[in-house]
Amino acid sequence: MLEQDTALATLTLNNGLYIQYMGNGYVSQTCFGAELGQGRAEVNRICTKYGAIIRQFANRDAEVLYPDGEVAHFHKDDMSWTIINNKGKRRHFKDGVSRDIEPIPCACETDPESHATMMIREDDVVTVRYADRGYFCQHKDGTQMFTSPDCTEIRIEKPGFASHKLRIVVADEDAAGQRGGKMGNLLKVEERSVDGRIVETFLPDGSMSQTFLDNVACEDGSCEPRYRHILKRADLSVVVIDSSGNISLISSNSRAALCEAGSKTKVDHSDVDKDYLAELARPYGSFVPGVYQALISSEADESRI
């Protein structure tokens, strides 16, 4: 959907974690010093807007972890893929040719009281299907994924990394295509998201970010889809970054002033306080009082504050 060049935004945290917000809506994490690893040492991990985790290793191998327990392994040495589904069946792909290989043994057991079904695979993947249709999966590296019963939320956690939550607010793709923020409308993030998918990242310092595809006003009066990243800091300030390099800084004092002039609600990170969303809905070239704006561009003389 996004054909133009996109910008990246990087956060550096005190615990040595780098968070990178990518122009395609994905969120990458890297630990300080990871690039010095050898062999199968994890260099970084990427959370996609579909709830999968892509792990990349120092030897240029990779693997993709899915919420249902499926795993895809990429082997750089022979440029091949090995796919393991959530039942332990394996398939090998190379040079456009696929073949089934020996499956991984699994053990299943159903609890008679809770009716939850647990499956343990020999490759150290554990899954639990609960009676309410909720789903839990723990992968070999310790990554835990929980899918809600209605499949509208996927929580992803791994010790030492920021946690993610994928929220799907519209499951129907046709309905999602009719969505998106409009100029002048103070819609909630859930209503502004064009494709109905929001990636929330919970940072160790207490901040939380939301990444979603939004319609952004252009100079000619039209709108174009861009990924926006809203960083909600613990001090109640907000930073808005989009995939074109635009940055907006809304201090806690500015948020309080916008609330006082608007809804007069309490300034917090709840859905009730949405006066600051005027920055997302403003027409091109206009300004919201108290909001600092900037553009960071790789082109000469294009950056401005």
C-alpha atoms as a PDB file:
ATOM      1  CA  MET A   1       0.000   0.000   0.000  1.00  0.00           C
ATOM      2  CA  LEU A   2       2.960   2.321   0.672  1.00  0.00           C
ATOM      3  CA  GLU A   3       5.133   2.677  -2.430  1.00  0.00           C
ATOM      4  CA  GLN A   4       7.187   5.750  -1.500  1.00  0.00           C
ATOM      5  CA  ASP A   5      10.368   5.724   0.621  1.00  0.00           C
ATOM      6  CA  THR A   6       9.562   5.583   4.315  1.00  0.00           C
ATOM      7  CA  ALA A   7      11.281   6.861   7.454  1.00  0.00           C
ATOM      8  CA  LEU A   8      12.425   4.930  10.517  1.00  0.00           C
ATOM      9  CA  ALA A   9      12.281   6.133  14.119  1.00  0.00           C
ATOM     10  CA  THR A  10      14.654   4.701  16.745  1.00  0.00           C
ATOM     11  CA  LEU A  11      14.391   4.826  20.543  1.00  0.00           C
ATOM     12  CA  THR A  12      17.374   4.005  22.775  1.00  0.00           C
ATOM     13  CA  LEU A  13      16.444   2.892  26.302  1.00  0.00           C
ATOM     14  CA  ASN A  14      18.527   2.877  29.474  1.00  0.00           C
ATOM     15  CA  ASN A  15      18.554  -0.929  29.644  1.00  0.00           C
ATOM     16  CA  GLY A  16      20.400  -1.148  26.309  1.00  0.00           C
ATOM     17  CA  LEU A  17      17.345  -1.931  24.211  1.00  0.00           C
ATOM     18  CA  TYR A  18      16.899  -0.316  20.795  1.00  0.00           C
ATOM     19  CA  ILE A  19      13.323   0.023  19.527  1.00  0.00           C
ATOM     20  CA  GLN A  20      12.957   0.821  15.835  1.00  0.00           C
ATOM     21  CA  TYR A  21       9.606   1.811  14.320  1.00  0.00           C
ATOM     22  CA  MET A  22       9.694   0.833  10.673  1.00  0.00           C
ATOM     23  CA  GLY A  23       7.931   2.496   7.777  1.00  0.00           C
ATOM     24  CA  ASN A  24       5.828  -0.609   7.046  1.00  0.00           C
ATOM     25  CA  GLY A  25       4.214  -0.693  10.501  1.00  0.00           C
ATOM     26  CA  TYR A  26       6.541  -3.330  11.962  1.00  0.00           C
ATOM     27  CA  VAL A  27       8.489  -2.825  15.218  1.00  0.00           C
ATOM     28  CA  SER A  28      12.081  -4.049  15.569  1.00  0.00           C
ATOM     29  CA  GLN A  29      14.008  -4.656  18.806  1.00  0.00           C
ATOM     30  CA  THR A  30      17.749  -5.066  19.296  1.00  0.00           C
ATOM     31  CA  CYS A  31      19.742  -5.489  22.507  1.00  0.00           C
ATOM     32  CA  PHE A  32      22.976  -3.518  22.909  1.00  0.00           C
ATOM     33  CA  GLY A  33      25.941  -5.622  21.773  1.00  0.00           C
ATOM     34  CA  ALA A  34      23.772  -8.164  19.930  1.00  0.00           C
ATOM     35  CA  GLU A  35      25.523  -7.341  16.661  1.00  0.00           C
ATOM     36  CA  LEU A  36      28.713  -8.841  18.136  1.00  0.00           C
ATOM     37  CA  GLY A  37      27.097 -12.251  18.554  1.00  0.00           C
ATOM     38  CA  GLN A  38      28.228 -15.348  16.712  1.00  0.00           C
ATOM     39  CA  GLY A  39      26.426 -18.267  15.084  1.00  0.00           C
ATOM     40  CA  ARG A  40      22.807 -18.633  16.194  1.00  0.00           C
ATOM     41  CA  ALA A  41      22.950 -15.636  18.547  1.00  0.00           C
ATOM     42  CA  GLU A  42      19.819 -13.494  18.066  1.00  0.00           C
ATOM     43  CA  VAL A  43      20.674 -10.133  16.513  1.00  0.00           C
ATOM     44  CA  ASN A  44      17.197  -8.610  16.462  1.00  0.00           C
ATOM     45  CA  ARG A  45      13.505  -9.457  16.426  1.00  0.00           C
ATOM     46  CA  ILE A  46      10.673  -7.859  14.489  1.00  0.00           C
ATOM     47  CA  CYS A  47       7.006  -7.836  15.471  1.00  0.00           C
ATOM     48  CA  THR A  48       4.762  -7.709  12.407  1.00  0.00           C
ATOM     49  CA  LYS A  49       1.259  -6.249  12.314  1.00  0.00           C
ATOM     50  CA  TYR A  50      -0.019  -9.808  11.823  1.00  0.00           C
ATOM     51  CA  GLY A  51       1.218 -11.057  15.194  1.00  0.00           C
ATOM     52  CA  ALA A  52       4.282 -12.980  13.992  1.00  0.00           C
ATOM     53  CA  ILE A  53       7.812 -12.547  15.355  1.00  0.00           C
ATOM     54  CA  ILE A  54      10.780 -12.612  12.956  1.00  0.00           C
ATOM     55  CA  ARG A  55      14.071 -13.512  14.651  1.00  0.00           C
ATOM     56  CA  GLN A  56      17.324 -12.803  12.812  1.00  0.00           C
ATOM     57  CA  PHE A  57      20.621 -14.412  13.827  1.00  0.00           C
ATOM     58  CA  ALA A  58      24.288 -13.487  13.555  1.00  0.00           C
ATOM     59  CA  ASN A  59      24.953 -16.215  10.947  1.00  0.00           C
ATOM     60  CA  ARG A  60      22.133 -14.706   8.797  1.00  0.00           C
ATOM     61  CA  ASP A  61      19.732 -17.545   9.532  1.00  0.00           C
ATOM     62  CA  ALA A  62      16.227 -16.518  10.562  1.00  0.00           C
ATOM     63  CA  GLU A  63      13.043 -17.955  11.978  1.00  0.00           C
ATOM     64  CA  VAL A  64       9.425 -16.829  12.125  1.00  0.00           C
ATOM     65  CA  LEU A  65       7.319 -17.573  15.212  1.00  0.00           C
ATOM     66  CA  TYR A  66       3.527 -17.681  14.906  1.00  0.00           C
ATOM     67  CA  PRO A  67       0.896 -17.416  17.668  1.00  0.00           C
ATOM     68  CA  ASP A  68      -0.521 -20.888  16.904  1.00  0.00           C
ATOM     69  CA  GLY A  69       2.829 -22.640  17.418  1.00  0.00           C
ATOM     70  CA  GLU A  70       3.877 -22.807  13.790  1.00  0.00           C
ATOM     71  CA  VAL A  71       7.569 -22.095  13.156  1.00  0.00           C
ATOM     72  CA  ALA A  72       9.410 -21.329   9.912  1.00  0.00           C
ATOM     73  CA  HIS A  73      13.216 -21.748   9.834  1.00  0.00           C
ATOM     74  CA  PHE A  74      15.376 -20.127   7.142  1.00  0.00           C
ATOM     75  CA  HIS A  75      18.831 -21.643   6.529  1.00  0.00           C
ATOM     76  CA  LYS A  76      21.231 -19.235   4.857  1.00  0.00           C
ATOM     77  CA  ASP A  77      23.871 -21.833   3.972  1.00  0.00           C
ATOM     78  CA  ASP A  78      21.639 -23.648   1.460  1.00  0.00           C
ATOM     79  CA  MET A  79      18.927 -20.953   1.038  1.00  0.00           C
ATOM     80  CA  SER A  80      16.141 -23.259   2.222  1.00  0.00           C
ATOM     81  CA  TRP A  81      13.086 -23.080   4.478  1.00  0.00           C
ATOM     82  CA  THR A  82      11.727 -25.657   6.903  1.00  0.00           C
ATOM     83  CA  ILE A  83       8.127 -25.118   8.000  1.00  0.00           C
ATOM     84  CA  ILE A  84       6.727 -26.834  11.106  1.00  0.00           C
ATOM     85  CA  ASN A  85       2.973 -26.546  11.620  1.00  0.00           C
ATOM     86  CA  ASN A  86       1.265 -26.586  15.008  1.00  0.00           C
ATOM     87  CA  LYS A  87       0.750 -30.368  14.774  1.00  0.00           C
ATOM     88  CA  GLY A  88       4.451 -31.102  14.275  1.00  0.00           C
ATOM     89  CA  LYS A  89       4.329 -31.839  10.529  1.00  0.00           C
ATOM     90  CA  ARG A  90       7.385 -30.570   8.655  1.00  0.00           C
ATOM     91  CA  ARG A  91       7.900 -29.469   5.065  1.00  0.00           C
ATOM     92  CA  HIS A  92      11.167 -28.462   3.401  1.00  0.00           C
ATOM     93  CA  PHE A  93      11.321 -25.786   0.676  1.00  0.00           C
ATOM     94  CA  LYS A  94      14.292 -25.175  -1.621  1.00  0.00           C
ATOM     95  CA  ASP A  95      14.595 -23.826  -5.172  1.00  0.00           C
ATOM     96  CA  GLY A  96      10.811 -23.804  -5.584  1.00  0.00           C
ATOM     97  CA  VAL A  97      10.497 -27.494  -4.669  1.00  0.00           C
ATOM     98  CA  SER A  98       8.805 -28.713  -1.482  1.00  0.00           C
ATOM     99  CA  ARG A  99       8.848 -32.118   0.171  1.00  0.00           C
ATOM    100  CA  ASP A 100       7.538 -33.560   3.411  1.00  0.00           C
ATOM    101  CA  ILE A 101      10.126 -34.659   5.954  1.00  0.00           C
ATOM    102  CA  GLU A 102       9.940 -36.595   9.184  1.00  0.00           C
ATOM    103  CA  PRO A 103       7.423 -35.001  11.586  1.00  0.00           C
ATOM    104  CA  ILE A 104       8.212 -33.904  15.129  1.00  0.00           C
ATOM    105  CA  PRO A 105       6.682 -36.119  17.852  1.00  0.00           C
ATOM    106  CA  CYS A 106       3.978 -34.460  19.963  1.00  0.00           C
ATOM    107  CA  ALA A 107       2.262 -35.352  23.226  1.00  0.00           C
ATOM    108  CA  CYS A 108      -1.281 -34.102  23.964  1.00  0.00           C
ATOM    109  CA  GLU A 109      -3.327 -34.163  27.139  1.00  0.00           C
ATOM    110  CA  THR A 110      -6.708 -32.653  28.086  1.00  0.00           C
ATOM    111  CA  ASP A 111      -7.414 -31.526  31.633  1.00  0.00           C
ATOM    112  CA  PRO A 112     -10.721 -33.108  32.754  1.00  0.00           C
ATOM    113  CA  GLU A 113     -11.680 -30.129  34.927  1.00  0.00           C
ATOM    114  CA  SER A 114     -10.732 -27.081  32.840  1.00  0.00           C
ATOM    115  CA  HIS A 115     -11.055 -28.899  29.481  1.00  0.00           C
ATOM    116  CA  ALA A 116      -7.865 -27.181  28.365  1.00  0.00           C
ATOM    117  CA  THR A 117      -5.770 -29.176  25.900  1.00  0.00           C
ATOM    118  CA  MET A 118      -1.983 -29.014  26.176  1.00  0.00           C
ATOM    119  CA  MET A 119       0.402 -30.145  23.462  1.00  0.00           C
ATOM    120  CA  ILE A 120       4.160 -30.485  23.954  1.00  0.00           C
ATOM    121  CA  ARG A 121       6.335 -30.900  20.869  1.00  0.00           C
ATOM    122  CA  GLU A 122       9.786 -32.438  20.867  1.00  0.00           C
ATOM    123  CA  ASP A 123      11.186 -29.148  19.513  1.00  0.00           C
ATOM    124  CA  ASP A 124      10.282 -27.518  22.871  1.00  0.00           C
ATOM    125  CA  VAL A 125       7.140 -25.706  21.702  1.00  0.00           C
ATOM    126  CA  VAL A 126       4.196 -25.816  24.127  1.00  0.00           C
ATOM    127  CA  THR A 127       0.630 -24.854  23.235  1.00  0.00           C
ATOM    128  CA  VAL A 128      -2.544 -24.729  25.310  1.00  0.00           C
ATOM    129  CA  ARG A 129      -6.059 -24.480  23.880  1.00  0.00           C
ATOM    130  CA  TYR A 130      -8.480 -23.293  26.571  1.00  0.00           C
ATOM    131  CA  ALA A 131     -12.156 -24.162  26.779  1.00  0.00           C
ATOM    132  CA  ASP A 132     -13.151 -20.600  25.830  1.00  0.00           C
ATOM    133  CA  ARG A 133     -11.051 -20.965  22.618  1.00  0.00           C
ATOM    134  CA  GLY A 134      -8.236 -18.774  23.941  1.00  0.00           C
ATOM    135  CA  TYR A 135      -4.799 -19.972  22.855  1.00  0.00           C
ATOM    136  CA  PHE A 136      -1.387 -19.883  24.552  1.00  0.00           C
ATOM    137  CA  CYS A 137       1.926 -20.736  22.924  1.00  0.00           C
ATOM    138  CA  GLN A 138       5.472 -20.759  24.251  1.00  0.00           C
ATOM    139  CA  HIS A 139       8.252 -21.144  21.699  1.00  0.00           C
ATOM    140  CA  LYS A 140      11.658 -22.722  22.264  1.00  0.00           C
ATOM    141  CA  ASP A 141      13.392 -19.378  22.880  1.00  0.00           C
ATOM    142  CA  GLY A 142      10.909 -18.417  25.620  1.00  0.00           C
ATOM    143  CA  THR A 143       8.696 -16.151  23.505  1.00  0.00           C
ATOM    144  CA  GLN A 144       5.140 -16.369  24.823  1.00  0.00           C
ATOM    145  CA  MET A 145       2.056 -15.576  22.753  1.00  0.00           C
ATOM    146  CA  PHE A 146      -1.537 -15.455  23.946  1.00  0.00           C
ATOM    147  CA  THR A 147      -4.449 -15.140  21.530  1.00  0.00           C
ATOM    148  CA  SER A 148      -7.836 -14.003  22.884  1.00  0.00           C
ATOM    149  CA  PRO A 149     -10.886 -16.269  22.349  1.00  0.00           C
ATOM    150  CA  ASP A 150     -12.287 -13.976  19.636  1.00  0.00           C
ATOM    151  CA  CYS A 151      -8.832 -13.608  18.000  1.00  0.00           C
ATOM    152  CA  THR A 152      -8.929  -9.792  18.272  1.00  0.00           C
ATOM    153  CA  GLU A 153      -5.871  -9.545  20.550  1.00  0.00           C
ATOM    154  CA  ILE A 154      -2.478 -11.229  20.484  1.00  0.00           C
ATOM    155  CA  ARG A 155      -0.074 -10.565  23.372  1.00  0.00           C
ATOM    156  CA  ILE A 156       3.625 -11.266  22.823  1.00  0.00           C
ATOM    157  CA  GLU A 157       6.205 -11.347  25.623  1.00  0.00           C
ATOM    158  CA  LYS A 158       9.869 -12.282  25.946  1.00  0.00           C
ATOM    159  CA  PRO A 159      12.105 -11.573  28.976  1.00  0.00           C
ATOM    160  CA  GLY A 160      14.518  -8.733  28.280  1.00  0.00           C
ATOM    161  CA  PHE A 161      12.405  -7.252  25.469  1.00  0.00           C
ATOM    162  CA  ALA A 162       9.467  -4.871  25.244  1.00  0.00           C
ATOM    163  CA  SER A 163       6.074  -6.583  25.137  1.00  0.00           C
ATOM    164  CA  HIS A 164       3.648  -6.221  22.240  1.00  0.00           C
ATOM    165  CA  LYS A 165      -0.080  -6.394  21.840  1.00  0.00           C
ATOM    166  CA  LEU A 166      -1.658  -6.681  18.416  1.00  0.00           C
ATOM    167  CA  ARG A 167      -5.224  -5.411  18.374  1.00  0.00           C
ATOM    168  CA  ILE A 168      -7.531  -6.217  15.464  1.00  0.00           C
ATOM    169  CA  VAL A 169     -10.472  -3.830  15.656  1.00  0.00           C
ATOM    170  CA  VAL A 170     -12.017  -4.830  12.292  1.00  0.00           C
ATOM    171  CA  ALA A 171     -11.731  -8.407  11.094  1.00  0.00           C
ATOM    172  CA  ASP A 172     -13.484  -7.866   7.737  1.00  0.00           C
ATOM    173  CA  GLU A 173     -10.991  -6.572   5.134  1.00  0.00           C
ATOM    174  CA  ASP A 174     -13.751  -4.967   3.063  1.00  0.00           C
ATOM    175  CA  ALA A 175     -14.984  -3.032   6.093  1.00  0.00           C
ATOM    176  CA  ALA A 176     -11.424  -2.075   7.022  1.00  0.00           C
ATOM    177  CA  GLY A 177     -10.887  -0.522   3.606  1.00  0.00           C
ATOM    178  CA  GLN A 178     -13.628   2.020   4.310  1.00  0.00           C
ATOM    179  CA  ARG A 179     -12.037   3.157   7.557  1.00  0.00           C
ATOM    180  CA  GLY A 180      -9.399   5.728   8.397  1.00  0.00           C
ATOM    181  CA  GLY A 181      -9.088   9.103  10.012  1.00  0.00           C
ATOM    182  CA  LYS A 182     -10.536  12.144   8.305  1.00  0.00           C
ATOM    183  CA  MET A 183      -9.460  15.758   8.574  1.00  0.00           C
ATOM    184  CA  GLY A 184     -11.190  17.573  11.408  1.00  0.00           C
ATOM    185  CA  ASN A 185     -12.514  14.444  13.129  1.00  0.00           C
ATOM    186  CA  LEU A 186     -11.138  13.676  16.601  1.00  0.00           C
ATOM    187  CA  LEU A 187     -11.498   9.941  16.163  1.00  0.00           C
ATOM    188  CA  LYS A 188      -9.919   7.431  18.509  1.00  0.00           C
ATOM    189  CA  VAL A 189      -6.942   5.458  17.238  1.00  0.00           C
ATOM    190  CA  GLU A 190      -9.199   2.409  16.866  1.00  0.00           C
ATOM    191  CA  GLU A 191     -11.396   4.372  14.463  1.00  0.00           C
ATOM    192  CA  ARG A 192      -8.518   6.039  12.610  1.00  0.00           C
ATOM    193  CA  SER A 193      -6.739   2.775  11.762  1.00  0.00           C
ATOM    194  CA  VAL A 194      -7.272   2.175   8.047  1.00  0.00           C
ATOM    195  CA  ASP A 195      -6.743  -1.592   8.094  1.00  0.00           C
ATOM    196  CA  GLY A 196      -8.073  -2.128  11.604  1.00  0.00           C
ATOM    197  CA  ARG A 197      -4.715  -3.296  13.011  1.00  0.00           C
ATOM    198  CA  ILE A 198      -2.872  -1.593  15.871  1.00  0.00           C
ATOM    199  CA  VAL A 199       0.485  -2.737  17.254  1.00  0.00           C
ATOM    200  CA  GLU A 200       0.967  -1.616  20.855  1.00  0.00           C
ATOM    201  CA  THR A 201       4.472  -1.769  22.335  1.00  0.00           C
ATOM    202  CA  PHE A 202       4.969  -1.552  26.102  1.00  0.00           C
ATOM    203  CA  LEU A 203       8.404  -0.155  26.920  1.00  0.00           C
ATOM    204  CA  PRO A 204      10.381  -0.885  30.108  1.00  0.00           C
ATOM    205  CA  ASP A 205      10.325   2.810  31.133  1.00  0.00           C
ATOM    206  CA  GLY A 206       6.517   2.806  31.434  1.00  0.00           C
ATOM    207  CA  SER A 207       5.837   4.345  28.030  1.00  0.00           C
ATOM    208  CA  MET A 208       3.514   2.787  25.474  1.00  0.00           C
ATOM    209  CA  SER A 209       3.406   3.233  21.715  1.00  0.00           C
ATOM    210  CA  GLN A 210       0.689   2.579  19.139  1.00  0.00           C
ATOM    211  CA  THR A 211       1.546   1.886  15.494  1.00  0.00           C
ATOM    212  CA  PHE A 212      -1.206   1.976  12.879  1.00  0.00           C
ATOM    213  CA  LEU A 213      -1.990   2.956   9.292  1.00  0.00           C
ATOM    214  CA  ASP A 214      -3.729   6.326   9.088  1.00  0.00           C
ATOM    215  CA  ASN A 215      -4.918   8.727   6.413  1.00  0.00           C
ATOM    216  CA  VAL A 216      -2.748  11.870   6.508  1.00  0.00           C
ATOM    217  CA  ALA A 217      -3.695  15.187   4.895  1.00  0.00           C
ATOM    218  CA  CYS A 218      -1.597  16.240   1.884  1.00  0.00           C
ATOM    219  CA  GLU A 219      -0.768  19.655   0.427  1.00  0.00           C
ATOM    220  CA  ASP A 220      -3.249  19.256  -2.453  1.00  0.00           C
ATOM    221  CA  GLY A 221      -6.129  18.585  -0.049  1.00  0.00           C
ATOM    222  CA  SER A 222      -6.173  14.833  -0.545  1.00  0.00           C
ATOM    223  CA  CYS A 223      -5.193  12.123   1.947  1.00  0.00           C
ATOM    224  CA  GLU A 224      -2.554   9.441   1.668  1.00  0.00           C
ATOM    225  CA  PRO A 225      -1.983   6.379   3.876  1.00  0.00           C
ATOM    226  CA  ARG A 226       1.010   6.592   6.217  1.00  0.00           C
ATOM    227  CA  TYR A 227       2.030   4.600   9.232  1.00  0.00           C
ATOM    228  CA  ARG A 228       1.875   6.620  12.404  1.00  0.00           C
ATOM    229  CA  HIS A 229       3.583   5.847  15.702  1.00  0.00           C
ATOM    230  CA  ILE A 230       2.110   7.490  18.806  1.00  0.00           C
ATOM    231  CA  LEU A 231       4.470   7.320  21.771  1.00  0.00           C
ATOM    232  CA  LYS A 232       2.622   7.921  25.027  1.00  0.00           C
ATOM    233  CA  ARG A 233       5.198   8.643  27.704  1.00  0.00           C
ATOM    234  CA  ALA A 234       4.828   8.060  31.428  1.00  0.00           C
ATOM    235  CA  ASP A 235       4.892  11.836  32.065  1.00  0.00           C
ATOM    236  CA  LEU A 236       1.705  12.138  29.892  1.00  0.00           C
ATOM    237  CA  SER A 237       3.520  13.809  27.001  1.00  0.00           C
ATOM    238  CA  VAL A 238       2.919  12.416  23.510  1.00  0.00           C
ATOM    239  CA  VAL A 239       5.213  12.129  20.489  1.00  0.00           C
ATOM    240  CA  VAL A 240       3.663  11.465  17.062  1.00  0.00           C
ATOM    241  CA  ILE A 241       5.903  10.196  14.251  1.00  0.00           C
ATOM    242  CA  ASP A 242       4.846   9.151  10.758  1.00  0.00           C
ATOM    243  CA  SER A 243       6.514   7.188   7.975  1.00  0.00           C
ATOM    244  CA  SER A 244       7.322  10.403   6.054  1.00  0.00           C
ATOM    245  CA  GLY A 245       9.536  11.817   8.820  1.00  0.00           C
ATOM    246  CA  ASN A 246       7.018  14.221  10.378  1.00  0.00           C
ATOM    247  CA  ILE A 247       7.296  14.600  14.154  1.00  0.00           C
ATOM    248  CA  SER A 248       4.887  16.277  16.565  1.00  0.00           C
ATOM    249  CA  LEU A 249       5.684  16.829  20.254  1.00  0.00           C
ATOM    250  CA  ILE A 250       2.771  17.397  22.627  1.00  0.00           C
ATOM    251  CA  SER A 251       3.915  18.174  26.170  1.00  0.00           C
ATOM    252  CA  SER A 252       1.823  17.294  29.203  1.00  0.00           C
ATOM    253  CA  ASN A 253       1.096  21.012  29.692  1.00  0.00           C
ATOM    254  CA  SER A 254      -0.112  21.299  26.098  1.00  0.00           C
ATOM    255  CA  ARG A 255      -2.342  18.274  26.581  1.00  0.00           C
ATOM    256  CA  ALA A 256      -3.827  19.839  29.693  1.00  0.00           C
ATOM    257  CA  ALA A 257      -4.484  23.093  27.811  1.00  0.00           C
ATOM    258  CA  LEU A 258      -6.139  21.226  24.928  1.00  0.00           C
ATOM    259  CA  CYS A 259      -8.354  19.343  27.387  1.00  0.00           C
ATOM    260  CA  GLU A 260      -9.282  22.542  29.190  1.00  0.00           C
ATOM    261  CA  ALA A 261     -10.289  24.190  25.907  1.00  0.00           C
ATOM    262  CA  GLY A 262     -12.079  21.089  24.663  1.00  0.00           C
ATOM    263  CA  SER A 263     -13.669  18.191  26.542  1.00  0.00           C
ATOM    264  CA  LYS A 264     -12.409  19.253  30.012  1.00  0.00           C
ATOM    265  CA  THR A 265     -11.618  15.631  30.796  1.00  0.00           C
ATOM    266  CA  LYS A 266      -8.826  14.325  32.986  1.00  0.00           C
ATOM    267  CA  VAL A 267      -5.450  14.170  31.239  1.00  0.00           C
ATOM    268  CA  ASP A 268      -4.421  10.513  31.104  1.00  0.00           C
ATOM    269  CA  HIS A 269      -3.777   7.775  28.586  1.00  0.00           C
ATOM    270  CA  SER A 270      -7.365   6.497  28.576  1.00  0.00           C
ATOM    271  CA  ASP A 271      -9.669   6.619  25.568  1.00  0.00           C
ATOM    272  CA  VAL A 272     -11.655   9.430  27.221  1.00  0.00           C
ATOM    273  CA  ASP A 273      -8.865  11.979  26.777  1.00  0.00           C
ATOM    274  CA  LYS A 274      -8.633  12.480  23.006  1.00  0.00           C
ATOM    275  CA  ASP A 275      -8.310  16.255  22.551  1.00  0.00           C
ATOM    276  CA  TYR A 276      -4.648  15.815  21.551  1.00  0.00           C
ATOM    277  CA  LEU A 277      -5.878  13.849  18.514  1.00  0.00           C
ATOM    278  CA  ALA A 278      -6.490  17.231  16.907  1.00  0.00           C
ATOM    279  CA  GLU A 279      -2.846  16.934  15.832  1.00  0.00           C
ATOM    280  CA  LEU A 280      -3.692  13.792  13.840  1.00  0.00           C
ATOM    281  CA  ALA A 281      -6.789  15.311  12.251  1.00  0.00           C
ATOM    282  CA  ARG A 282      -5.441  18.755  11.312  1.00  0.00           C
ATOM    283  CA  PRO A 283      -5.409  19.815   7.632  1.00  0.00           C
ATOM    284  CA  TYR A 284      -2.063  20.203   5.874  1.00  0.00           C
ATOM    285  CA  GLY A 285      -0.281  23.449   6.800  1.00  0.00           C
ATOM    286  CA  SER A 286      -2.386  24.186   9.885  1.00  0.00           C
ATOM    287  CA  PHE A 287      -1.166  24.150  13.464  1.00  0.00           C
ATOM    288  CA  VAL A 288      -2.513  23.009  16.828  1.00  0.00           C
ATOM    289  CA  PRO A 289      -1.725  25.446  19.679  1.00  0.00           C
ATOM    290  CA  GLY A 290       1.125  24.304  21.893  1.00  0.00           C
ATOM    291  CA  VAL A 291       2.228  21.473  19.588  1.00  0.00           C
ATOM    292  CA  TYR A 292       5.792  21.514  18.235  1.00  0.00           C
ATOM    293  CA  GLN A 293       6.175  20.183  14.691  1.00  0.00           C
ATOM    294  CA  ALA A 294       9.262  19.077  12.767  1.00  0.00           C
ATOM    295  CA  LEU A 295      10.213  17.245   9.585  1.00  0.00           C
ATOM    296  CA  ILE A 296      13.364  15.154   9.364  1.00  0.00           C
ATOM    297  CA  SER A 297      14.332  14.352   5.783  1.00  0.00           C
ATOM    298  CA  SER A 298      17.339  12.724   4.099  1.00  0.00           C
ATOM    299  CA  GLU A 299      17.084  15.282   1.281  1.00  0.00           C
ATOM    300  CA  ALA A 300      19.184  18.430   1.458  1.00  0.00           C
ATOM    301  CA  ASP A 301      17.486  21.512   2.958  1.00  0.00           C
ATOM    302  CA  GLU A 302      14.182  19.654   3.468  1.00  0.00           C
ATOM    303  CA  SER A 303      14.335  19.197   7.260  1.00  0.00           C
ATOM    304  CA  ARG A 304      12.640  21.874   9.308  1.00  0.00           C
ATOM    305  CA  ILE A 305      11.191  22.685  12.719  1.00  0.00           C
END
